[in-house]
Amino acid sequence: MNNIVEIRDLSERTKIKDMIQSTDQHYVVGQLAASIAHEIRNSLTTIKGYTQLGKQEAPTKNFDVVMLEIEKIEEIINDLLLLAKPQISTFEELDIQKVLDNYMEI
């Protein structure tokens, strides 16, 4: 009776599976962030427009404060959209000795 036992190292396969799952999750989070940011931006554009109209009709300091807050929210939305963009990594092969030499010169 000959029994054949096969042993495989599945760690590399597990790493790849985890990496794919993580990438999928990042994609979903990015899509969700983009969707939320666009919805907020649409409403904010309306608020900003009416605030600008109100400021023209009855200029007060309160409208300036509202406009500053709207601009802060717009910056947050822009940051959220940056999160939603897929990040492209580029790799470059370097000569470690040259890098170290350049570093030592500084």
PDB file of N, CA and C in Angstrom:
ATOM      1  N   MET A   1       0.826  -1.172   0.000  1.00  0.00           N
ATOM      2  CA  MET A   1       0.000   0.000   0.000  1.00  0.00           C
ATOM      3  C   MET A   1       0.879   1.248   0.000  1.00  0.00           C
ATOM      4  N   ASN A   2       0.860   1.946  -1.100  1.00  0.00           N
ATOM      5  CA  ASN A   2       1.667   3.151  -1.230  1.00  0.00           C
ATOM      6  C   ASN A   2       0.784   4.382  -1.072  1.00  0.00           C
ATOM      7  N   ASN A   3       1.100   5.153  -0.092  1.00  0.00           N
ATOM      8  CA  ASN A   3       0.384   6.414   0.101  1.00  0.00           C
ATOM      9  C   ASN A   3       1.287   7.558  -0.354  1.00  0.00           C
ATOM     10  N   ILE A   4       0.724   8.405  -1.181  1.00  0.00           N
ATOM     11  CA  ILE A   4       1.478   9.561  -1.657  1.00  0.00           C
ATOM     12  C   ILE A   4       0.952  10.789  -0.925  1.00  0.00           C
ATOM     13  N   VAL A   5       1.873  11.475  -0.319  1.00  0.00           N
ATOM     14  CA  VAL A   5       1.508  12.684   0.419  1.00  0.00           C
ATOM     15  C   VAL A   5       2.136  13.872  -0.304  1.00  0.00           C
ATOM     16  N   GLU A   6       1.306  14.842  -0.612  1.00  0.00           N
ATOM     17  CA  GLU A   6       1.809  16.042  -1.292  1.00  0.00           C
ATOM     18  C   GLU A   6       1.659  17.219  -0.339  1.00  0.00           C
ATOM     19  N   ILE A   7       2.746  17.927  -0.146  1.00  0.00           N
ATOM     20  CA  ILE A   7       2.735  19.093   0.735  1.00  0.00           C
ATOM     21  C   ILE A   7       3.065  20.311  -0.113  1.00  0.00           C
ATOM     22  N   ARG A   8       2.219  21.324  -0.001  1.00  0.00           N
ATOM     23  CA  ARG A   8       2.442  22.556  -0.770  1.00  0.00           C
ATOM     24  C   ARG A   8       2.485  23.743   0.175  1.00  0.00           C
ATOM     25  N   ASP A   9       3.308  24.690  -0.185  1.00  0.00           N
ATOM     26  CA  ASP A   9       3.356  25.949   0.565  1.00  0.00           C
ATOM     27  C   ASP A   9       2.323  26.884  -0.062  1.00  0.00           C
ATOM     28  N   LEU A  10       1.258  27.138   0.662  1.00  0.00           N
ATOM     29  CA  LEU A  10       0.177  27.981   0.154  1.00  0.00           C
ATOM     30  C   LEU A  10       0.283  29.428   0.621  1.00  0.00           C
ATOM     31  N   SER A  11       1.380  29.761   1.277  1.00  0.00           N
ATOM     32  CA  SER A  11       1.501  31.116   1.823  1.00  0.00           C
ATOM     33  C   SER A  11       1.496  32.174   0.724  1.00  0.00           C
ATOM     34  N   GLU A  12       2.145  31.904  -0.405  1.00  0.00           N
ATOM     35  CA  GLU A  12       2.179  32.876  -1.502  1.00  0.00           C
ATOM     36  C   GLU A  12       0.775  33.065  -2.081  1.00  0.00           C
ATOM     37  N   ARG A  13       0.055  31.977  -2.246  1.00  0.00           N
ATOM     38  CA  ARG A  13      -1.318  32.043  -2.762  1.00  0.00           C
ATOM     39  C   ARG A  13      -2.207  32.833  -1.797  1.00  0.00           C
ATOM     40  N   THR A  14      -2.025  32.610  -0.508  1.00  0.00           N
ATOM     41  CA  THR A  14      -2.801  33.329   0.509  1.00  0.00           C
ATOM     42  C   THR A  14      -2.479  34.818   0.476  1.00  0.00           C
ATOM     43  N   LYS A  15      -1.206  35.147   0.324  1.00  0.00           N
ATOM     44  CA  LYS A  15      -0.814  36.560   0.238  1.00  0.00           C
ATOM     45  C   LYS A  15      -1.474  37.243  -0.956  1.00  0.00           C
ATOM     46  N   ILE A  16      -1.467  36.574  -2.101  1.00  0.00           N
ATOM     47  CA  ILE A  16      -2.068  37.141  -3.314  1.00  0.00           C
ATOM     48  C   ILE A  16      -3.573  37.305  -3.133  1.00  0.00           C
ATOM     49  N   LYS A  17      -4.203  36.297  -2.544  1.00  0.00           N
ATOM     50  CA  LYS A  17      -5.650  36.371  -2.297  1.00  0.00           C
ATOM     51  C   LYS A  17      -5.975  37.551  -1.375  1.00  0.00           C
ATOM     52  N   ASP A  18      -5.187  37.725  -0.313  1.00  0.00           N
ATOM     53  CA  ASP A  18      -5.400  38.836   0.621  1.00  0.00           C
ATOM     54  C   ASP A  18      -5.193  40.181  -0.074  1.00  0.00           C
ATOM     55  N   MET A  19      -4.185  40.236  -0.944  1.00  0.00           N
ATOM     56  CA  MET A  19      -3.900  41.475  -1.660  1.00  0.00           C
ATOM     57  C   MET A  19      -5.049  41.839  -2.602  1.00  0.00           C
ATOM     58  N   ILE A  20      -5.593  40.857  -3.288  1.00  0.00           N
ATOM     59  CA  ILE A  20      -6.726  41.102  -4.191  1.00  0.00           C
ATOM     60  C   ILE A  20      -7.940  41.560  -3.403  1.00  0.00           C
ATOM     61  N   GLN A  21      -8.196  40.914  -2.286  1.00  0.00           N
ATOM     62  CA  GLN A  21      -9.334  41.288  -1.444  1.00  0.00           C
ATOM     63  C   GLN A  21      -9.165  42.710  -0.927  1.00  0.00           C
ATOM     64  N   SER A  22      -7.974  43.059  -0.512  1.00  0.00           N
ATOM     65  CA  SER A  22      -7.695  44.413  -0.028  1.00  0.00           C
ATOM     66  C   SER A  22      -7.883  45.441  -1.141  1.00  0.00           C
ATOM     67  N   THR A  23      -7.423  45.107  -2.334  1.00  0.00           N
ATOM     68  CA  THR A  23      -7.582  46.000  -3.481  1.00  0.00           C
ATOM     69  C   THR A  23      -9.053  46.206  -3.793  1.00  0.00           C
ATOM     70  N   ASP A  24      -9.832  45.135  -3.758  1.00  0.00           N
ATOM     71  CA  ASP A  24     -11.268  45.249  -3.996  1.00  0.00           C
ATOM     72  C   ASP A  24     -11.928  46.148  -2.966  1.00  0.00           C
ATOM     73  N   GLN A  25     -11.536  46.007  -1.704  1.00  0.00           N
ATOM     74  CA  GLN A  25     -12.108  46.831  -0.646  1.00  0.00           C
ATOM     75  C   GLN A  25     -11.741  48.298  -0.843  1.00  0.00           C
ATOM     76  N   HIS A  26     -10.492  48.565  -1.234  1.00  0.00           N
ATOM     77  CA  HIS A  26     -10.082  49.943  -1.487  1.00  0.00           C
ATOM     78  C   HIS A  26     -10.861  50.535  -2.651  1.00  0.00           C
ATOM     79  N   TYR A  27     -11.128  49.724  -3.659  1.00  0.00           N
ATOM     80  CA  TYR A  27     -11.897  50.190  -4.806  1.00  0.00           C
ATOM     81  C   TYR A  27     -13.312  50.578  -4.384  1.00  0.00           C
ATOM     82  N   VAL A  28     -13.939  49.728  -3.588  1.00  0.00           N
ATOM     83  CA  VAL A  28     -15.308  50.002  -3.127  1.00  0.00           C
ATOM     84  C   VAL A  28     -15.334  51.262  -2.266  1.00  0.00           C
ATOM     85  N   VAL A  29     -14.372  51.400  -1.361  1.00  0.00           N
ATOM     86  CA  VAL A  29     -14.301  52.594  -0.516  1.00  0.00           C
ATOM     87  C   VAL A  29     -14.099  53.837  -1.380  1.00  0.00           C
ATOM     88  N   GLY A  30     -13.247  53.742  -2.380  1.00  0.00           N
ATOM     89  CA  GLY A  30     -13.015  54.863  -3.281  1.00  0.00           C
ATOM     90  C   GLY A  30     -14.272  55.252  -4.045  1.00  0.00           C
ATOM     91  N   GLN A  31     -14.993  54.270  -4.538  1.00  0.00           N
ATOM     92  CA  GLN A  31     -16.230  54.545  -5.262  1.00  0.00           C
ATOM     93  C   GLN A  31     -17.273  55.180  -4.346  1.00  0.00           C
ATOM     94  N   LEU A  32     -17.372  54.684  -3.134  1.00  0.00           N
ATOM     95  CA  LEU A  32     -18.305  55.237  -2.158  1.00  0.00           C
ATOM     96  C   LEU A  32     -17.938  56.678  -1.815  1.00  0.00           C
ATOM     97  N   ALA A  33     -16.650  56.927  -1.603  1.00  0.00           N
ATOM     98  CA  ALA A  33     -16.183  58.278  -1.301  1.00  0.00           C
ATOM     99  C   ALA A  33     -16.514  59.235  -2.447  1.00  0.00           C
ATOM    100  N   ALA A  34     -16.303  58.795  -3.671  1.00  0.00           N
ATOM    101  CA  ALA A  34     -16.598  59.644  -4.832  1.00  0.00           C
ATOM    102  C   ALA A  34     -18.088  59.938  -4.923  1.00  0.00           C
ATOM    103  N   SER A  35     -18.899  58.942  -4.702  1.00  0.00           N
ATOM    104  CA  SER A  35     -20.351  59.116  -4.775  1.00  0.00           C
ATOM    105  C   SER A  35     -20.847  60.101  -3.713  1.00  0.00           C
ATOM    106  N   ILE A  36     -20.375  59.928  -2.497  1.00  0.00           N
ATOM    107  CA  ILE A  36     -20.767  60.822  -1.398  1.00  0.00           C
ATOM    108  C   ILE A  36     -20.292  62.245  -1.681  1.00  0.00           C
ATOM    109  N   ALA A  37     -19.054  62.380  -2.135  1.00  0.00           N
ATOM    110  CA  ALA A  37     -18.501  63.706  -2.412  1.00  0.00           C
ATOM    111  C   ALA A  37     -19.305  64.426  -3.486  1.00  0.00           C
ATOM    112  N   HIS A  38     -19.691  63.715  -4.526  1.00  0.00           N
ATOM    113  CA  HIS A  38     -20.459  64.352  -5.595  1.00  0.00           C
ATOM    114  C   HIS A  38     -21.843  64.785  -5.113  1.00  0.00           C
ATOM    115  N   GLU A  39     -22.473  63.959  -4.295  1.00  0.00           N
ATOM    116  CA  GLU A  39     -23.791  64.330  -3.768  1.00  0.00           C
ATOM    117  C   GLU A  39     -23.697  65.570  -2.876  1.00  0.00           C
ATOM    118  N   ILE A  40     -22.689  65.604  -2.025  1.00  0.00           N
ATOM    119  CA  ILE A  40     -22.497  66.769  -1.152  1.00  0.00           C
ATOM    120  C   ILE A  40     -22.189  68.001  -1.993  1.00  0.00           C
ATOM    121  N   ARG A  41     -21.339  67.841  -2.991  1.00  0.00           N
ATOM    122  CA  ARG A  41     -20.965  68.973  -3.845  1.00  0.00           C
ATOM    123  C   ARG A  41     -22.192  69.553  -4.564  1.00  0.00           C
ATOM    124  N   ASN A  42     -23.103  68.694  -5.025  1.00  0.00           N
ATOM    125  CA  ASN A  42     -24.306  69.190  -5.699  1.00  0.00           C
ATOM    126  C   ASN A  42     -25.123  70.089  -4.771  1.00  0.00           C
ATOM    127  N   SER A  43     -25.360  69.627  -3.560  1.00  0.00           N
ATOM    128  CA  SER A  43     -26.131  70.422  -2.594  1.00  0.00           C
ATOM    129  C   SER A  43     -25.374  71.685  -2.208  1.00  0.00           C
ATOM    130  N   LEU A  44     -24.091  71.559  -2.037  1.00  0.00           N
ATOM    131  CA  LEU A  44     -23.274  72.700  -1.641  1.00  0.00           C
ATOM    132  C   LEU A  44     -23.263  73.785  -2.719  1.00  0.00           C
ATOM    133  N   THR A  45     -23.284  73.382  -3.970  1.00  0.00           N
ATOM    134  CA  THR A  45     -23.314  74.349  -5.067  1.00  0.00           C
ATOM    135  C   THR A  45     -24.586  75.195  -4.996  1.00  0.00           C
ATOM    136  N   THR A  46     -25.699  74.568  -4.691  1.00  0.00           N
ATOM    137  CA  THR A  46     -26.959  75.297  -4.547  1.00  0.00           C
ATOM    138  C   THR A  46     -26.886  76.273  -3.371  1.00  0.00           C
ATOM    139  N   ILE A  47     -26.387  75.799  -2.246  1.00  0.00           N
ATOM    140  CA  ILE A  47     -26.254  76.653  -1.060  1.00  0.00           C
ATOM    141  C   ILE A  47     -25.331  77.829  -1.356  1.00  0.00           C
ATOM    142  N   LYS A  48     -24.233  77.556  -2.026  1.00  0.00           N
ATOM    143  CA  LYS A  48     -23.275  78.608  -2.355  1.00  0.00           C
ATOM    144  C   LYS A  48     -23.906  79.653  -3.281  1.00  0.00           C
ATOM    145  N   GLY A  49     -24.631  79.190  -4.267  1.00  0.00           N
ATOM    146  CA  GLY A  49     -25.293  80.113  -5.201  1.00  0.00           C
ATOM    147  C   GLY A  49     -26.284  81.033  -4.510  1.00  0.00           C
ATOM    148  N   TYR A  50     -27.122  80.471  -3.663  1.00  0.00           N
ATOM    149  CA  TYR A  50     -28.105  81.300  -2.942  1.00  0.00           C
ATOM    150  C   TYR A  50     -27.429  82.220  -1.931  1.00  0.00           C
ATOM    151  N   THR A  51     -26.342  81.777  -1.344  1.00  0.00           N
ATOM    152  CA  THR A  51     -25.596  82.632  -0.418  1.00  0.00           C
ATOM    153  C   THR A  51     -25.002  83.823  -1.160  1.00  0.00           C
ATOM    154  N   GLN A  52     -24.466  83.583  -2.348  1.00  0.00           N
ATOM    155  CA  GLN A  52     -23.910  84.672  -3.151  1.00  0.00           C
ATOM    156  C   GLN A  52     -25.001  85.663  -3.558  1.00  0.00           C
ATOM    157  N   LEU A  53     -26.164  85.140  -3.914  1.00  0.00           N
ATOM    158  CA  LEU A  53     -27.293  86.028  -4.257  1.00  0.00           C
ATOM    159  C   LEU A  53     -27.714  86.855  -3.050  1.00  0.00           C
ATOM    160  N   GLY A  54     -27.799  86.210  -1.894  1.00  0.00           N
ATOM    161  CA  GLY A  54     -28.175  86.924  -0.672  1.00  0.00           C
ATOM    162  C   GLY A  54     -27.165  87.995  -0.320  1.00  0.00           C
ATOM    163  N   LYS A  55     -25.910  87.707  -0.528  1.00  0.00           N
ATOM    164  CA  LYS A  55     -24.854  88.672  -0.231  1.00  0.00           C
ATOM    165  C   LYS A  55     -24.954  89.895  -1.140  1.00  0.00           C
ATOM    166  N   GLN A  56     -25.344  89.690  -2.391  1.00  0.00           N
ATOM    167  CA  GLN A  56     -25.514  90.807  -3.321  1.00  0.00           C
ATOM    168  C   GLN A  56     -26.704  91.674  -2.924  1.00  0.00           C
ATOM    169  N   GLU A  57     -27.782  91.045  -2.479  1.00  0.00           N
ATOM    170  CA  GLU A  57     -28.998  91.784  -2.135  1.00  0.00           C
ATOM    171  C   GLU A  57     -28.883  92.489  -0.796  1.00  0.00           C
ATOM    172  N   ALA A  58     -28.244  91.868   0.176  1.00  0.00           N
ATOM    173  CA  ALA A  58     -28.124  92.453   1.514  1.00  0.00           C
ATOM    174  C   ALA A  58     -26.763  92.100   2.091  1.00  0.00           C
ATOM    175  N   PRO A  59     -25.720  92.812   1.641  1.00  0.00           N
ATOM    176  CA  PRO A  59     -24.373  92.462   2.103  1.00  0.00           C
ATOM    177  C   PRO A  59     -24.235  92.583   3.630  1.00  0.00           C
ATOM    178  N   THR A  60     -23.856  91.494   4.246  1.00  0.00           N
ATOM    179  CA  THR A  60     -23.562  91.490   5.683  1.00  0.00           C
ATOM    180  C   THR A  60     -22.346  90.609   5.914  1.00  0.00           C
ATOM    181  N   LYS A  61     -21.774  90.763   7.088  1.00  0.00           N
ATOM    182  CA  LYS A  61     -20.612  89.960   7.457  1.00  0.00           C
ATOM    183  C   LYS A  61     -20.987  88.479   7.575  1.00  0.00           C
ATOM    184  N   ASN A  62     -22.237  88.199   7.907  1.00  0.00           N
ATOM    185  CA  ASN A  62     -22.686  86.816   8.064  1.00  0.00           C
ATOM    186  C   ASN A  62     -22.508  86.019   6.782  1.00  0.00           C
ATOM    187  N   PHE A  63     -22.749  86.649   5.644  1.00  0.00           N
ATOM    188  CA  PHE A  63     -22.578  85.949   4.376  1.00  0.00           C
ATOM    189  C   PHE A  63     -21.105  85.604   4.139  1.00  0.00           C
ATOM    190  N   ASP A  64     -20.205  86.485   4.572  1.00  0.00           N
ATOM    191  CA  ASP A  64     -18.769  86.195   4.433  1.00  0.00           C
ATOM    192  C   ASP A  64     -18.390  84.959   5.245  1.00  0.00           C
ATOM    193  N   VAL A  65     -18.936  84.852   6.441  1.00  0.00           N
ATOM    194  CA  VAL A  65     -18.663  83.698   7.298  1.00  0.00           C
ATOM    195  C   VAL A  65     -19.205  82.427   6.642  1.00  0.00           C
ATOM    196  N   VAL A  66     -20.408  82.504   6.118  1.00  0.00           N
ATOM    197  CA  VAL A  66     -21.012  81.335   5.453  1.00  0.00           C
ATOM    198  C   VAL A  66     -20.162  80.918   4.251  1.00  0.00           C
ATOM    199  N   MET A  67     -19.705  81.900   3.465  1.00  0.00           N
ATOM    200  CA  MET A  67     -18.892  81.589   2.292  1.00  0.00           C
ATOM    201  C   MET A  67     -17.563  80.930   2.700  1.00  0.00           C
ATOM    202  N   LEU A  68     -16.951  81.399   3.785  1.00  0.00           N
ATOM    203  CA  LEU A  68     -15.715  80.775   4.268  1.00  0.00           C
ATOM    204  C   LEU A  68     -15.944  79.311   4.660  1.00  0.00           C
ATOM    205  N   GLU A  69     -17.058  79.060   5.312  1.00  0.00           N
ATOM    206  CA  GLU A  69     -17.368  77.686   5.721  1.00  0.00           C
ATOM    207  C   GLU A  69     -17.650  76.803   4.507  1.00  0.00           C
ATOM    208  N   ILE A  70     -18.312  77.365   3.520  1.00  0.00           N
ATOM    209  CA  ILE A  70     -18.569  76.611   2.286  1.00  0.00           C
ATOM    210  C   ILE A  70     -17.245  76.250   1.618  1.00  0.00           C
ATOM    211  N   GLU A  71     -16.316  77.183   1.593  1.00  0.00           N
ATOM    212  CA  GLU A  71     -15.002  76.909   0.988  1.00  0.00           C
ATOM    213  C   GLU A  71     -14.259  75.807   1.749  1.00  0.00           C
ATOM    214  N   LYS A  72     -14.391  75.784   3.081  1.00  0.00           N
ATOM    215  CA  LYS A  72     -13.766  74.715   3.870  1.00  0.00           C
ATOM    216  C   LYS A  72     -14.364  73.354   3.497  1.00  0.00           C
ATOM    217  N   ILE A  73     -15.680  73.335   3.360  1.00  0.00           N
ATOM    218  CA  ILE A  73     -16.346  72.076   2.999  1.00  0.00           C
ATOM    219  C   ILE A  73     -15.903  71.640   1.604  1.00  0.00           C
ATOM    220  N   GLU A  74     -15.755  72.598   0.692  1.00  0.00           N
ATOM    221  CA  GLU A  74     -15.293  72.258  -0.660  1.00  0.00           C
ATOM    222  C   GLU A  74     -13.895  71.646  -0.626  1.00  0.00           C
ATOM    223  N   GLU A  75     -13.029  72.141   0.234  1.00  0.00           N
ATOM    224  CA  GLU A  75     -11.682  71.570   0.364  1.00  0.00           C
ATOM    225  C   GLU A  75     -11.752  70.125   0.875  1.00  0.00           C
ATOM    226  N   ILE A  76     -12.629  69.898   1.838  1.00  0.00           N
ATOM    227  CA  ILE A  76     -12.801  68.535   2.371  1.00  0.00           C
ATOM    228  C   ILE A  76     -13.294  67.604   1.271  1.00  0.00           C
ATOM    229  N   ILE A  77     -14.231  68.083   0.464  1.00  0.00           N
ATOM    230  CA  ILE A  77     -14.758  67.271  -0.642  1.00  0.00           C
ATOM    231  C   ILE A  77     -13.647  66.955  -1.642  1.00  0.00           C
ATOM    232  N   ASN A  78     -12.825  67.945  -1.943  1.00  0.00           N
ATOM    233  CA  ASN A  78     -11.711  67.705  -2.870  1.00  0.00           C
ATOM    234  C   ASN A  78     -10.752  66.644  -2.324  1.00  0.00           C
ATOM    235  N   ASP A  79     -10.495  66.703  -1.014  1.00  0.00           N
ATOM    236  CA  ASP A  79      -9.642  65.689  -0.391  1.00  0.00           C
ATOM    237  C   ASP A  79     -10.285  64.309  -0.477  1.00  0.00           C
ATOM    238  N   LEU A  80     -11.592  64.268  -0.278  1.00  0.00           N
ATOM    239  CA  LEU A  80     -12.321  63.003  -0.366  1.00  0.00           C
ATOM    240  C   LEU A  80     -12.243  62.436  -1.781  1.00  0.00           C
ATOM    241  N   LEU A  81     -12.326  63.306  -2.780  1.00  0.00           N
ATOM    242  CA  LEU A  81     -12.224  62.848  -4.163  1.00  0.00           C
ATOM    243  C   LEU A  81     -10.812  62.364  -4.492  1.00  0.00           C
ATOM    244  N   LEU A  82      -9.811  62.960  -3.863  1.00  0.00           N
ATOM    245  CA  LEU A  82      -8.445  62.461  -4.047  1.00  0.00           C
ATOM    246  C   LEU A  82      -8.319  61.042  -3.517  1.00  0.00           C
ATOM    247  N   LEU A  83      -8.994  60.784  -2.397  1.00  0.00           N
ATOM    248  CA  LEU A  83      -8.998  59.438  -1.830  1.00  0.00           C
ATOM    249  C   LEU A  83      -9.649  58.460  -2.795  1.00  0.00           C
ATOM    250  N   ALA A  84     -10.652  58.929  -3.511  1.00  0.00           N
ATOM    251  CA  ALA A  84     -11.400  58.054  -4.406  1.00  0.00           C
ATOM    252  C   ALA A  84     -10.621  57.703  -5.674  1.00  0.00           C
ATOM    253  N   LYS A  85      -9.645  58.541  -6.036  1.00  0.00           N
ATOM    254  CA  LYS A  85      -8.868  58.265  -7.244  1.00  0.00           C
ATOM    255  C   LYS A  85      -7.919  57.105  -6.994  1.00  0.00           C
ATOM    256  N   PRO A  86      -7.844  56.198  -7.956  1.00  0.00           N
ATOM    257  CA  PRO A  86      -6.867  55.118  -7.775  1.00  0.00           C
ATOM    258  C   PRO A  86      -5.453  55.691  -7.828  1.00  0.00           C
ATOM    259  N   GLN A  87      -4.643  55.267  -6.895  1.00  0.00           N
ATOM    260  CA  GLN A  87      -3.269  55.742  -6.830  1.00  0.00           C
ATOM    261  C   GLN A  87      -2.393  54.827  -7.675  1.00  0.00           C
ATOM    262  N   ILE A  88      -1.633  55.430  -8.559  1.00  0.00           N
ATOM    263  CA  ILE A  88      -0.751  54.662  -9.422  1.00  0.00           C
ATOM    264  C   ILE A  88       0.661  54.745  -8.858  1.00  0.00           C
ATOM    265  N   SER A  89       1.205  53.602  -8.568  1.00  0.00           N
ATOM    266  CA  SER A  89       2.566  53.550  -8.046  1.00  0.00           C
ATOM    267  C   SER A  89       3.507  53.226  -9.194  1.00  0.00           C
ATOM    268  N   THR A  90       4.601  53.930  -9.226  1.00  0.00           N
ATOM    269  CA  THR A  90       5.624  53.621 -10.219  1.00  0.00           C
ATOM    270  C   THR A  90       6.889  53.221  -9.482  1.00  0.00           C
ATOM    271  N   PHE A  91       7.529  52.239 -10.000  1.00  0.00           N
ATOM    272  CA  PHE A  91       8.747  51.742  -9.392  1.00  0.00           C
ATOM    273  C   PHE A  91       9.895  51.957 -10.365  1.00  0.00           C
ATOM    274  N   GLU A  92      11.022  52.256  -9.798  1.00  0.00           N
ATOM    275  CA  GLU A  92      12.200  52.513 -10.605  1.00  0.00           C
ATOM    276  C   GLU A  92      13.353  51.716 -10.022  1.00  0.00           C
ATOM    277  N   GLU A  93      14.083  51.071 -10.890  1.00  0.00           N
ATOM    278  CA  GLU A  93      15.235  50.309 -10.434  1.00  0.00           C
ATOM    279  C   GLU A  93      16.397  51.281 -10.232  1.00  0.00           C
ATOM    280  N   LEU A  94      16.990  51.225  -9.055  1.00  0.00           N
ATOM    281  CA  LEU A  94      18.084  52.134  -8.721  1.00  0.00           C
ATOM    282  C   LEU A  94      19.330  51.354  -8.339  1.00  0.00           C
ATOM    283  N   ASP A  95      20.455  51.980  -8.568  1.00  0.00           N
ATOM    284  CA  ASP A  95      21.729  51.431  -8.112  1.00  0.00           C
ATOM    285  C   ASP A  95      21.934  51.914  -6.675  1.00  0.00           C
ATOM    286  N   ILE A  96      21.863  51.018  -5.731  1.00  0.00           N
ATOM    287  CA  ILE A  96      21.919  51.385  -4.316  1.00  0.00           C
ATOM    288  C   ILE A  96      23.228  52.093  -3.972  1.00  0.00           C
ATOM    289  N   GLN A  97      24.292  51.723  -4.636  1.00  0.00           N
ATOM    290  CA  GLN A  97      25.572  52.366  -4.356  1.00  0.00           C
ATOM    291  C   GLN A  97      25.534  53.839  -4.752  1.00  0.00           C
ATOM    292  N   LYS A  98      24.918  54.151  -5.893  1.00  0.00           N
ATOM    293  CA  LYS A  98      24.803  55.549  -6.329  1.00  0.00           C
ATOM    294  C   LYS A  98      23.924  56.349  -5.366  1.00  0.00           C
ATOM    295  N   VAL A  99      22.844  55.726  -4.914  1.00  0.00           N
ATOM    296  CA  VAL A  99      21.950  56.399  -3.964  1.00  0.00           C
ATOM    297  C   VAL A  99      22.707  56.723  -2.685  1.00  0.00           C
ATOM    298  N   LEU A 100      23.455  55.754  -2.185  1.00  0.00           N
ATOM    299  CA  LEU A 100      24.226  55.969  -0.959  1.00  0.00           C
ATOM    300  C   LEU A 100      25.313  57.024  -1.165  1.00  0.00           C
ATOM    301  N   ASP A 101      25.982  56.979  -2.318  1.00  0.00           N
ATOM    302  CA  ASP A 101      27.006  57.980  -2.616  1.00  0.00           C
ATOM    303  C   ASP A 101      26.423  59.390  -2.649  1.00  0.00           C
ATOM    304  N   ASN A 102      25.258  59.528  -3.306  1.00  0.00           N
ATOM    305  CA  ASN A 102      24.586  60.833  -3.364  1.00  0.00           C
ATOM    306  C   ASN A 102      24.164  61.307  -1.976  1.00  0.00           C
ATOM    307  N   TYR A 103      23.689  60.391  -1.170  1.00  0.00           N
ATOM    308  CA  TYR A 103      23.266  60.719   0.184  1.00  0.00           C
ATOM    309  C   TYR A 103      24.447  61.184   1.029  1.00  0.00           C
ATOM    310  N   MET A 104      25.571  60.513   0.870  1.00  0.00           N
ATOM    311  CA  MET A 104      26.754  60.855   1.658  1.00  0.00           C
ATOM    312  C   MET A 104      27.337  62.205   1.260  1.00  0.00           C
ATOM    313  N   GLU A 105      27.101  62.631   0.016  1.00  0.00           N
ATOM    314  CA  GLU A 105      27.588  63.932  -0.445  1.00  0.00           C
ATOM    315  C   GLU A 105      26.804  65.076   0.179  1.00  0.00           C
ATOM    316  N   ILE A 106      25.566  64.818   0.528  1.00  0.00           N
ATOM    317  CA  ILE A 106      24.700  65.871   1.075  1.00  0.00           C
ATOM    318  C   ILE A 106      25.076  66.154   2.451  1.00  0.00           C
TER     319      ILE A 106
END
